[in-house]
Amino acid sequence: MKTLLEKYARSIGYSIDDALSVVLGMSSGEKAVKDFTPDIVSWMSFAVFINAWNLCSSESVITGTDRCSPNSWQIVDNLVKMCIEQQLTDANRILSSPGNNIPLLARMVTEPVSWHLLVIQSCMRAMAPQGKKKKKGGPTERPNIPQLQAIQSSVHCMTDTLQSVQTWLSDQMRPEEQALDVLLSHLQGTNTEGPGHISRFLEESSATANSEIGCRIAQSLESWSSAGVVRRIVGAKNQTIAELKKVCDLKLKLLMSESASLSAMLH
């Protein structure tokens, strides 16, 4: 697994040791998540894979932890929570580039979070009682309580994080006409930069004949409509949101099931 992680680290431009240092820095807040935004999904996945490697290794791969330490779980939990929360708090960008953070949010949920849930499921299967009776006079087999508690904490963190995503997605599902009014008012503003400037230029070009731009382009501009384009944007955004909500629903159901199993194993 180390060889694979070394290749993965090189794919984002770092050695495995330097990549691990970056992940630890982001998780602890010593490094700004925004500084690594272009590859942030890869960094989140790397943290998940480091946790998996730490769990199956006979020696700790993270300084200051042992193989049963919850610290590697906390690294993943902190990083996933911070990265997703940053996307949710940057939601105001939807006005300047409608829905531009939704695809990245979807990747966070469907890639690193999905990988992490697989790690949780794998650990749960490995630690589940096998149904064998203990030998007469032998010691009672006890589950690995610290590890189970670390998994339980991670399940709770993932649940809270996905629920916050669900709430944010629900808030974005405005009635179509309301969403159209908001975006059109932004496009029709007086700013000299951004999508509003481009939209006004296209509207003006469609209203005036200009032989310099060519017949085919002129014909295309004749049918240009800001309202029509924005309506398609809103429709596509709402469809993406609905699909992402379904994905979150499925993951939350899985987390609820694992949480119930953990409670039974810990009591």
Protein backbone atom coordinates (compact mmCIF):
# COMPACT_ATOMS: atom_id res chain seq x y z
CA MET A 1 0.00 0.00 0.00
CA LYS A 2 2.92 2.34 0.68
CA THR A 3 4.03 2.05 -2.95
CA LEU A 4 0.56 3.03 -4.17
CA LEU A 5 0.45 5.99 -1.79
CA GLU A 6 3.88 7.14 -2.93
CA LYS A 7 2.60 7.16 -6.51
CA TYR A 8 -0.58 8.95 -5.42
CA ALA A 9 1.46 11.61 -3.60
CA ARG A 10 3.65 12.12 -6.66
CA SER A 11 0.51 12.62 -8.78
CA ILE A 12 -0.24 15.76 -6.75
CA GLY A 13 3.38 16.88 -6.83
CA TYR A 14 4.70 15.77 -3.43
CA SER A 15 6.73 13.03 -1.79
CA ILE A 16 4.72 10.86 0.57
CA ASP A 17 6.37 12.43 3.63
CA ASP A 18 5.72 15.98 2.42
CA ALA A 19 2.14 15.08 1.45
CA LEU A 20 1.55 13.62 4.91
CA SER A 21 2.91 16.82 6.45
CA VAL A 22 0.47 18.87 4.34
CA VAL A 23 -2.49 16.70 5.40
CA LEU A 24 -1.52 16.97 9.06
CA GLY A 25 -1.13 20.74 8.70
CA MET A 26 -4.53 21.21 7.06
CA SER A 27 -6.25 18.91 9.56
CA SER A 28 -4.78 20.82 12.52
CA GLY A 29 -5.48 24.22 10.97
CA GLU A 30 -1.79 25.12 10.64
CA LYS A 31 -2.11 25.17 6.84
CA ALA A 32 -4.94 26.93 5.00
CA VAL A 33 -7.21 24.59 3.06
CA LYS A 34 -7.71 27.31 0.41
CA ASP A 35 -4.01 27.11 -0.50
CA PHE A 36 -4.60 23.58 -1.80
CA THR A 37 -8.02 24.09 -3.41
CA PRO A 38 -7.10 23.02 -6.97
CA ASP A 39 -6.36 19.46 -5.76
CA ILE A 40 -8.40 19.49 -2.55
CA VAL A 41 -10.42 16.35 -3.41
CA SER A 42 -7.17 14.46 -4.00
CA TRP A 43 -5.82 15.70 -0.66
CA MET A 44 -8.97 14.55 1.11
CA SER A 45 -8.72 11.11 -0.52
CA PHE A 46 -5.03 10.92 0.39
CA ALA A 47 -5.93 11.50 4.05
CA VAL A 48 -8.49 8.67 3.87
CA PHE A 49 -5.91 6.31 2.34
CA ILE A 50 -3.32 7.26 4.98
CA ASN A 51 -5.84 6.34 7.68
CA ALA A 52 -6.49 2.98 5.99
CA TRP A 53 -2.75 2.31 5.74
CA ASN A 54 -2.26 3.27 9.39
CA LEU A 55 -5.01 0.86 10.45
CA CYS A 56 -3.58 -2.15 8.62
CA SER A 57 0.10 -1.45 9.33
CA SER A 58 1.95 -3.19 12.16
CA GLU A 59 3.67 0.14 12.89
CA SER A 60 2.24 3.62 13.01
CA VAL A 61 2.72 5.58 9.78
CA ILE A 62 1.84 8.83 11.56
CA THR A 63 4.23 10.24 14.14
CA GLY A 64 2.81 10.23 17.65
CA THR A 65 0.19 7.50 17.09
CA ASP A 66 0.05 3.75 17.46
CA ARG A 67 -1.85 1.45 15.09
CA CYS A 68 -4.99 1.54 17.28
CA SER A 69 -4.86 5.25 17.98
CA PRO A 70 -7.92 7.28 16.98
CA ASN A 71 -5.67 10.11 15.77
CA SER A 72 -5.62 8.94 12.17
CA TRP A 73 -9.44 8.88 12.22
CA GLN A 74 -9.49 12.40 13.63
CA ILE A 75 -7.19 13.62 10.85
CA VAL A 76 -9.70 12.45 8.24
CA ASP A 77 -12.70 13.74 10.19
CA ASN A 78 -11.18 17.19 10.68
CA LEU A 79 -10.07 17.55 7.07
CA VAL A 80 -13.33 16.34 5.52
CA LYS A 81 -15.37 18.57 7.82
CA MET A 82 -13.23 21.66 7.16
CA CYS A 83 -13.14 21.21 3.38
CA ILE A 84 -16.88 20.68 3.06
CA GLU A 85 -17.70 23.50 5.48
CA GLN A 86 -15.54 25.84 3.40
CA GLN A 87 -17.55 24.96 0.31
CA LEU A 88 -20.80 25.62 2.15
CA THR A 89 -19.66 28.96 3.57
CA ASP A 90 -18.51 30.06 0.11
CA ALA A 91 -22.07 29.56 -1.18
CA ASN A 92 -22.39 33.25 -2.03
CA ARG A 93 -20.27 32.54 -5.12
CA ILE A 94 -23.41 31.10 -6.67
CA LEU A 95 -24.38 34.68 -7.58
CA SER A 96 -21.24 35.36 -9.62
CA SER A 97 -20.92 31.85 -11.10
CA PRO A 98 -24.22 30.02 -10.55
CA GLY A 99 -23.68 26.57 -9.07
CA ASN A 100 -19.92 26.58 -9.62
CA ASN A 101 -19.19 25.03 -6.22
CA ILE A 102 -21.80 22.27 -6.50
CA PRO A 103 -19.70 19.98 -8.76
CA LEU A 104 -16.75 20.23 -6.36
CA LEU A 105 -19.03 19.55 -3.41
CA ALA A 106 -20.41 16.53 -5.26
CA ARG A 107 -16.88 15.21 -5.84
CA MET A 108 -16.09 15.58 -2.13
CA VAL A 109 -19.14 13.54 -1.21
CA THR A 110 -18.78 10.87 -3.90
CA GLU A 111 -15.00 10.38 -3.72
CA PRO A 112 -13.21 10.88 -0.34
CA VAL A 113 -16.36 10.52 1.78
CA SER A 114 -17.29 7.34 -0.12
CA TRP A 115 -13.78 5.94 0.35
CA HIS A 116 -13.95 6.73 4.05
CA LEU A 117 -17.29 4.96 4.43
CA LEU A 118 -15.74 1.88 2.82
CA VAL A 119 -12.94 2.00 5.41
CA ILE A 120 -15.55 2.25 8.18
CA GLN A 121 -17.50 -0.72 6.79
CA SER A 122 -14.33 -2.79 6.43
CA CYS A 123 -13.30 -2.10 10.04
CA MET A 124 -16.78 -2.90 11.28
CA ARG A 125 -16.80 -6.26 9.48
CA ALA A 126 -13.36 -7.11 10.84
CA MET A 127 -14.37 -6.26 14.41
CA ALA A 128 -17.87 -7.76 14.40
CA PRO A 129 -18.45 -10.75 16.72
CA GLN A 130 -17.98 -14.01 14.85
CA GLY A 131 -20.56 -15.93 16.86
CA LYS A 132 -18.02 -18.40 18.30
CA LYS A 133 -18.27 -19.39 21.91
CA LYS A 134 -15.25 -18.82 24.10
CA LYS A 135 -13.30 -21.84 25.33
CA LYS A 136 -14.26 -23.13 28.75
CA GLY A 137 -12.25 -21.32 31.37
CA GLY A 138 -10.76 -18.97 28.77
CA PRO A 139 -10.80 -15.16 29.02
CA THR A 140 -13.78 -13.30 27.66
CA GLU A 141 -13.07 -11.84 24.23
CA ARG A 142 -13.35 -8.08 24.42
CA PRO A 143 -13.76 -5.78 21.41
CA ASN A 144 -11.17 -3.10 20.74
CA ILE A 145 -12.98 -0.35 22.62
CA PRO A 146 -10.67 2.58 21.68
CA GLN A 147 -10.91 1.66 18.00
CA LEU A 148 -14.68 1.29 18.14
CA GLN A 149 -14.98 4.64 19.87
CA ALA A 150 -12.80 6.24 17.19
CA ILE A 151 -15.01 4.75 14.47
CA GLN A 152 -18.13 5.89 16.30
CA SER A 153 -16.77 9.44 16.52
CA SER A 154 -15.99 9.36 12.79
CA VAL A 155 -19.49 8.08 11.97
CA HIS A 156 -20.98 10.95 13.97
CA CYS A 157 -18.71 13.48 12.22
CA MET A 158 -19.61 12.17 8.75
CA THR A 159 -23.30 12.17 9.68
CA ASP A 160 -23.19 15.78 10.90
CA THR A 161 -21.23 16.87 7.84
CA LEU A 162 -23.57 15.20 5.34
CA GLN A 163 -26.61 16.59 7.16
CA SER A 164 -25.14 20.09 6.82
CA VAL A 165 -24.71 19.41 3.10
CA GLN A 166 -28.35 18.31 2.90
CA THR A 167 -29.51 21.48 4.64
CA TRP A 168 -27.45 23.68 2.31
CA LEU A 169 -28.72 21.86 -0.77
CA SER A 170 -32.32 22.27 0.40
CA ASP A 171 -31.74 26.00 0.84
CA GLN A 172 -30.53 26.24 -2.78
CA MET A 173 -33.75 24.71 -4.13
CA ARG A 174 -35.61 27.98 -4.60
CA PRO A 175 -38.73 28.20 -6.78
CA GLU A 176 -37.64 28.60 -10.39
CA GLU A 177 -39.07 32.09 -10.85
CA GLN A 178 -37.43 33.32 -7.66
CA ALA A 179 -34.05 31.89 -8.72
CA LEU A 180 -34.47 33.47 -12.15
CA ASP A 181 -35.20 36.89 -10.63
CA VAL A 182 -32.11 36.71 -8.39
CA LEU A 183 -29.73 35.73 -11.16
CA LEU A 184 -31.20 38.09 -13.76
CA SER A 185 -30.97 41.02 -11.35
CA HIS A 186 -27.29 40.19 -10.89
CA LEU A 187 -26.69 39.91 -14.63
CA GLN A 188 -28.45 43.21 -15.25
CA GLY A 189 -26.35 45.06 -12.68
CA THR A 190 -23.89 47.81 -13.47
CA ASN A 191 -20.65 45.92 -12.83
CA THR A 192 -18.12 46.22 -15.65
CA GLU A 193 -16.72 42.74 -15.03
CA GLY A 194 -18.11 39.23 -14.63
CA PRO A 195 -20.98 37.43 -16.35
CA GLY A 196 -23.23 40.52 -16.31
CA HIS A 197 -20.83 42.40 -18.57
CA ILE A 198 -20.73 39.49 -21.03
CA SER A 199 -24.50 39.13 -20.97
CA ARG A 200 -25.04 42.83 -21.72
CA PHE A 201 -22.56 42.67 -24.59
CA LEU A 202 -24.40 39.73 -26.15
CA GLU A 203 -27.77 41.41 -25.68
CA GLU A 204 -26.52 44.59 -27.34
CA SER A 205 -24.91 42.64 -30.18
CA SER A 206 -28.13 40.76 -30.84
CA ALA A 207 -30.04 44.05 -31.11
CA THR A 208 -27.75 45.62 -33.69
CA ALA A 209 -26.66 44.40 -37.10
CA ASN A 210 -22.89 44.06 -37.33
CA SER A 211 -21.40 42.85 -40.59
CA GLU A 212 -17.98 42.44 -38.97
CA ILE A 213 -19.03 39.47 -36.85
CA GLY A 214 -20.28 37.39 -39.79
CA CYS A 215 -23.70 36.12 -40.78
CA ARG A 216 -23.63 32.86 -38.84
CA ILE A 217 -22.67 34.53 -35.56
CA ALA A 218 -25.21 37.29 -36.17
CA GLN A 219 -27.94 34.71 -36.71
CA SER A 220 -27.00 32.97 -33.45
CA LEU A 221 -27.12 36.24 -31.57
CA GLU A 222 -30.60 36.98 -32.88
CA SER A 223 -31.98 34.19 -30.69
CA TRP A 224 -29.89 35.14 -27.67
CA SER A 225 -31.88 35.64 -24.47
CA SER A 226 -30.44 36.13 -21.02
CA ALA A 227 -33.66 34.86 -19.46
CA GLY A 228 -33.56 31.69 -21.57
CA VAL A 229 -29.94 30.96 -20.68
CA VAL A 230 -30.50 31.61 -16.98
CA ARG A 231 -33.57 29.35 -17.02
CA ARG A 232 -31.43 26.51 -18.39
CA ILE A 233 -28.75 27.20 -15.77
CA VAL A 234 -31.32 27.08 -12.97
CA GLY A 235 -32.82 23.87 -14.34
CA ALA A 236 -29.44 22.14 -14.59
CA LYS A 237 -28.47 23.34 -11.11
CA ASN A 238 -31.69 22.02 -9.57
CA GLN A 239 -31.23 18.65 -11.26
CA THR A 240 -27.66 18.38 -9.95
CA ILE A 241 -28.80 19.34 -6.46
CA ALA A 242 -31.59 16.73 -6.50
CA GLU A 243 -29.14 14.00 -7.56
CA LEU A 244 -26.60 15.00 -4.90
CA LYS A 245 -29.32 14.98 -2.25
CA LYS A 246 -30.15 11.39 -3.20
CA VAL A 247 -26.49 10.41 -2.84
CA CYS A 248 -26.36 12.06 0.59
CA ASP A 249 -29.57 10.26 1.62
CA LEU A 250 -28.06 6.86 0.79
CA LYS A 251 -24.86 7.62 2.69
CA LEU A 252 -26.77 8.88 5.72
CA LYS A 253 -28.83 5.66 5.80
CA LEU A 254 -25.60 3.65 5.74
CA LEU A 255 -24.14 5.76 8.55
CA MET A 256 -27.28 5.30 10.65
CA SER A 257 -26.97 1.53 10.23
CA GLU A 258 -23.30 1.55 11.22
CA SER A 259 -24.07 3.80 14.19
CA ALA A 260 -26.66 1.31 15.46
CA SER A 261 -24.17 -1.55 15.08
CA LEU A 262 -21.50 0.40 16.95
CA SER A 263 -23.87 1.17 19.82
CA ALA A 264 -24.67 -2.54 20.14
CA MET A 265 -20.98 -3.50 20.15
CA LEU A 266 -20.07 -0.88 22.75
CA HIS A 267 -22.85 -1.79 25.19
